[in-house]
């Protein structure tokens, strides 16, 4: 009996050693802004994209923060195949990434934009197989929000709009009845209007978050992503 158990233990240990994953080498992702690493580990069983790597995905459909809520799932496309610099295919074209909205902060006064927090939790390959993953938007606070150019555009619109109103008001005051006073009216009305416009823009609610279909965002891995190799 003891001899039988010893043989069985040797068989188990031998099988475990045989099945142990072997590292074959290390490769590198192409750089994405915000990435913390570019390391990829190549084994006999997996291509492992290491935690901290970043890559782009695209909204499958239009997204409006005011129409979404926590708990909803969002689908993203992988716009093109992802390779290492050394030429190893990691994620095929036509793959998809599924994310769940975990929190939405609505836009607030003064001029604070909406923020959308998403956990990217599943990679679906073209053959339909699903791979567990963990990733978040590659931004400073891990949220999606409108960028500074959109915010600046909003402030410019308020400033320009009320500047025109101020110019009109100044013209009205000056037009009594000497046309020579128009310049004075403009000089008074435009600065007042633009100042009021800028202040109004700053104290109004910020922007909602909108994304077009096909719009790219960058996501960053929170854990290693294990991509199983096809059997030969």
Protein backbone atom coordinates (compact mmCIF):
# COMPACT_ATOMS: atom_id res chain seq x y z
CA UNK A 1 0.00 0.00 0.00
CA UNK A 2 2.81 2.39 0.92
CA UNK A 3 4.60 1.55 -2.30
CA UNK A 4 1.42 2.28 -4.28
CA UNK A 5 0.98 5.66 -2.57
CA UNK A 6 4.62 6.55 -3.25
CA UNK A 7 4.21 5.77 -6.95
CA UNK A 8 0.98 7.79 -7.07
CA UNK A 9 2.70 10.77 -5.42
CA UNK A 10 5.54 10.62 -7.94
CA UNK A 11 3.03 10.57 -10.79
CA UNK A 12 1.20 13.61 -9.38
CA UNK A 13 4.41 15.55 -8.84
CA UNK A 14 5.66 14.64 -12.26
CA UNK A 15 2.43 15.77 -13.91
CA UNK A 16 2.51 19.05 -11.95
CA UNK A 17 6.09 19.74 -13.03
CA UNK A 18 5.27 18.90 -16.64
CA UNK A 19 2.27 21.28 -16.64
CA UNK A 20 4.18 24.20 -15.12
CA UNK A 21 4.16 27.25 -17.39
CA UNK A 22 7.54 28.06 -18.92
CA UNK A 23 8.67 31.62 -19.70
CA UNK A 24 10.08 31.81 -23.22
CA UNK A 25 11.01 35.49 -23.32
CA UNK A 26 9.97 39.11 -22.96
CA UNK A 27 8.64 41.52 -25.57
CA UNK A 28 7.30 45.08 -25.61
CA UNK A 29 4.09 46.95 -26.47
CA UNK A 30 4.10 50.07 -28.64
CA UNK A 31 4.02 53.16 -26.42
CA UNK A 32 0.70 54.79 -25.49
CA UNK A 33 0.64 58.07 -23.58
CA UNK A 34 -0.02 57.40 -19.90
CA UNK A 35 1.22 53.80 -19.94
CA UNK A 36 3.26 52.73 -16.91
CA UNK A 37 5.09 49.90 -18.68
CA UNK A 38 5.46 48.26 -22.09
CA UNK A 39 6.39 44.77 -20.88
CA UNK A 40 4.87 41.60 -22.34
CA UNK A 41 5.78 38.14 -21.00
CA UNK A 42 5.79 35.28 -23.51
CA UNK A 43 5.27 31.77 -22.14
CA UNK A 44 4.56 28.40 -23.70
CA UNK A 45 0.86 28.80 -22.81
CA UNK A 46 0.13 32.54 -22.78
CA UNK A 47 1.06 35.96 -24.07
CA UNK A 48 0.80 38.08 -20.91
CA UNK A 49 0.25 41.83 -21.30
CA UNK A 50 1.60 43.14 -18.00
CA UNK A 51 -0.27 45.42 -15.62
CA UNK A 52 0.27 49.09 -16.48
CA UNK A 53 0.20 48.64 -20.26
CA UNK A 54 -2.25 50.83 -22.19
CA UNK A 55 -4.03 50.47 -25.52
CA UNK A 56 -6.89 52.10 -27.43
CA UNK A 57 -10.51 51.00 -27.72
CA UNK A 58 -13.42 52.69 -29.50
CA UNK A 59 -17.04 53.28 -28.48
CA UNK A 60 -19.28 50.83 -30.34
CA UNK A 61 -22.22 53.27 -30.08
CA UNK A 62 -22.72 56.92 -29.23
CA UNK A 63 -22.49 57.61 -25.49
CA UNK A 64 -24.31 60.36 -23.56
CA UNK A 65 -23.57 60.65 -19.85
CA UNK A 66 -27.01 62.13 -19.10
CA UNK A 67 -28.69 59.00 -20.53
CA UNK A 68 -26.48 56.45 -18.74
CA UNK A 69 -26.42 55.10 -15.19
CA UNK A 70 -24.25 52.95 -12.93
CA UNK A 71 -24.48 49.23 -13.65
CA UNK A 72 -24.95 49.55 -17.40
CA UNK A 73 -22.60 47.72 -19.72
CA UNK A 74 -20.89 49.42 -22.64
CA UNK A 75 -19.25 47.70 -25.60
CA UNK A 76 -16.02 48.91 -27.18
CA UNK A 77 -14.24 47.78 -30.33
CA UNK A 78 -10.51 47.16 -30.65
CA UNK A 79 -9.97 49.34 -33.75
CA UNK A 80 -6.96 47.42 -35.06
CA UNK A 81 -4.90 44.36 -34.20
CA UNK A 82 -2.42 44.85 -31.37
CA UNK A 83 1.11 43.49 -31.84
CA UNK A 84 4.30 43.70 -29.83
CA UNK A 85 7.23 45.62 -31.28
CA UNK A 86 8.79 42.23 -31.94
CA UNK A 87 5.83 41.17 -34.10
CA UNK A 88 3.81 38.87 -31.82
CA UNK A 89 0.04 39.17 -32.26
CA UNK A 90 -1.56 39.88 -28.89
CA UNK A 91 -5.15 40.97 -29.60
CA UNK A 92 -6.69 40.29 -33.04
CA UNK A 93 -8.67 42.87 -34.99
CA UNK A 94 -12.46 42.72 -34.50
CA UNK A 95 -12.05 41.94 -30.80
CA UNK A 96 -14.31 43.71 -28.31
CA UNK A 97 -13.96 44.99 -24.76
CA UNK A 98 -16.92 45.09 -22.37
CA UNK A 99 -17.05 47.67 -19.58
CA UNK A 100 -19.45 48.36 -16.72
CA UNK A 101 -20.26 51.88 -15.55
CA UNK A 102 -19.48 51.99 -11.84
CA UNK A 103 -20.18 55.67 -11.20
CA UNK A 104 -21.35 58.85 -12.94
CA UNK A 105 -20.75 62.28 -11.45
CA UNK A 106 -23.09 64.80 -13.07
CA UNK A 107 -21.82 68.21 -14.13
CA UNK A 108 -21.96 70.76 -11.33
CA UNK A 109 -21.60 74.46 -10.59
CA UNK A 110 -19.14 76.12 -10.87
CA UNK A 111 -18.11 74.80 -14.29
CA UNK A 112 -17.32 71.23 -13.15
CA UNK A 113 -17.65 68.71 -15.98
CA UNK A 114 -19.42 65.35 -15.69
CA UNK A 115 -17.20 62.34 -14.97
CA UNK A 116 -17.83 58.72 -15.98
CA UNK A 117 -16.04 55.85 -14.21
CA UNK A 118 -15.88 52.51 -16.06
CA UNK A 119 -14.39 49.13 -15.16
CA UNK A 120 -13.32 47.24 -18.28
CA UNK A 121 -13.76 43.62 -17.29
CA UNK A 122 -13.93 41.37 -20.33
CA UNK A 123 -12.13 40.96 -23.66
CA UNK A 124 -14.11 39.08 -26.31
CA UNK A 125 -12.00 37.63 -29.11
CA UNK A 126 -13.25 37.20 -32.71
CA UNK A 127 -13.89 33.47 -32.12
CA UNK A 128 -16.34 34.38 -29.32
CA UNK A 129 -14.11 33.32 -26.44
CA UNK A 130 -14.07 35.64 -23.41
CA UNK A 131 -10.98 36.62 -21.43
CA UNK A 132 -11.23 38.15 -17.96
CA UNK A 133 -9.49 41.49 -17.65
CA UNK A 134 -9.35 44.53 -15.39
CA UNK A 135 -8.72 47.99 -16.79
CA UNK A 136 -9.81 51.61 -16.38
CA UNK A 137 -9.62 54.81 -18.46
CA UNK A 138 -6.02 55.99 -18.77
CA UNK A 139 -6.58 59.43 -17.23
CA UNK A 140 -5.28 61.15 -14.10
CA UNK A 141 -8.34 60.31 -12.03
CA UNK A 142 -9.45 57.19 -13.94
CA UNK A 143 -12.57 58.87 -15.34
CA UNK A 144 -13.87 59.94 -18.74
CA UNK A 145 -14.73 63.63 -19.06
CA UNK A 146 -14.68 66.38 -21.65
CA UNK A 147 -11.21 67.77 -22.28
CA UNK A 148 -9.91 71.30 -21.68
CA UNK A 149 -10.53 72.33 -25.30
CA UNK A 150 -14.26 71.65 -24.97
CA UNK A 151 -14.37 73.61 -21.71
CA UNK A 152 -12.45 76.50 -23.27
CA UNK A 153 -14.88 76.46 -26.19
CA UNK A 154 -17.81 76.78 -23.82
CA UNK A 155 -16.22 79.76 -22.02
CA UNK A 156 -15.38 81.36 -25.37
CA UNK A 157 -19.00 80.98 -26.51
CA UNK A 158 -20.30 82.68 -23.36
CA UNK A 159 -17.67 85.43 -23.60
CA UNK A 160 -18.28 86.08 -27.30
CA UNK A 161 -22.06 85.95 -26.99
CA UNK A 162 -22.36 88.36 -24.10
CA UNK A 163 -19.61 90.52 -25.60
CA UNK A 164 -21.85 91.02 -28.65
CA UNK A 165 -24.78 91.80 -26.35
CA UNK A 166 -22.60 94.29 -24.47
CA UNK A 167 -21.52 95.92 -27.72
CA UNK A 168 -25.16 96.30 -28.72
CA UNK A 169 -26.07 97.80 -25.36
CA UNK A 170 -23.12 100.21 -25.54
CA UNK A 171 -24.16 101.23 -29.03
CA UNK A 172 -27.67 101.94 -27.78
CA UNK A 173 -26.37 104.16 -25.00
CA UNK A 174 -24.02 106.01 -27.35
CA UNK A 175 -26.56 106.59 -30.09
CA UNK A 176 -27.99 109.79 -28.53
CA UNK A 177 -27.97 111.22 -31.20
CA UNK A 178 -24.36 111.79 -32.36
CA UNK A 179 -22.87 108.88 -34.42
CA UNK A 180 -19.41 109.92 -33.24
CA UNK A 181 -20.31 108.48 -29.84
CA UNK A 182 -20.62 104.95 -31.25
CA UNK A 183 -16.93 104.28 -30.62
CA UNK A 184 -17.37 105.25 -26.99
CA UNK A 185 -20.37 102.95 -26.72
CA UNK A 186 -18.40 100.03 -28.16
CA UNK A 187 -15.47 100.79 -25.86
CA UNK A 188 -17.77 100.60 -22.85
CA UNK A 189 -20.11 97.81 -23.94
CA UNK A 190 -17.68 95.20 -25.30
CA UNK A 191 -15.39 94.91 -22.22
CA UNK A 192 -18.39 94.83 -19.88
CA UNK A 193 -20.15 92.20 -21.99
CA UNK A 194 -17.11 89.94 -22.38
CA UNK A 195 -16.33 90.16 -18.66
CA UNK A 196 -19.90 89.24 -17.76
CA UNK A 197 -19.77 86.43 -20.33
CA UNK A 198 -16.58 84.97 -18.91
CA UNK A 199 -17.92 85.11 -15.35
CA UNK A 200 -21.22 83.57 -16.46
CA UNK A 201 -19.37 80.74 -18.20
CA UNK A 202 -17.33 80.04 -15.07
CA UNK A 203 -20.30 79.88 -12.68
CA UNK A 204 -22.61 77.75 -14.87
CA UNK A 205 -22.69 73.92 -14.70
CA UNK A 206 -19.87 72.11 -16.49
CA UNK A 207 -20.20 69.96 -19.61
CA UNK A 208 -21.88 66.56 -19.93
CA UNK A 209 -19.68 63.75 -21.29
CA UNK A 210 -20.48 62.81 -24.88
CA UNK A 211 -18.63 60.38 -27.16
CA UNK A 212 -19.32 59.61 -30.80
CA UNK A 213 -19.58 56.12 -32.23
CA UNK A 214 -16.05 55.02 -33.08
CA UNK A 215 -14.40 57.61 -30.82
CA UNK A 216 -11.16 56.27 -29.35
CA UNK A 217 -10.15 56.29 -25.69
CA UNK A 218 -7.07 54.82 -24.02
CA UNK A 219 -7.45 52.25 -21.25
CA UNK A 220 -4.78 51.00 -18.82
CA UNK A 221 -4.57 47.50 -17.35
CA UNK A 222 -5.04 47.17 -13.57
CA UNK A 223 -3.90 43.51 -13.65
CA UNK A 224 -1.94 41.28 -16.01
CA UNK A 225 -3.98 40.21 -19.05
CA UNK A 226 -3.47 36.52 -19.88
CA UNK A 227 -4.08 35.70 -23.54
CA UNK A 228 -4.02 31.95 -24.10
CA UNK A 229 -2.11 30.72 -27.13
CA UNK A 230 -3.85 28.56 -29.70
CA UNK A 231 -2.96 24.89 -29.54
CA UNK A 232 -0.63 23.88 -32.37
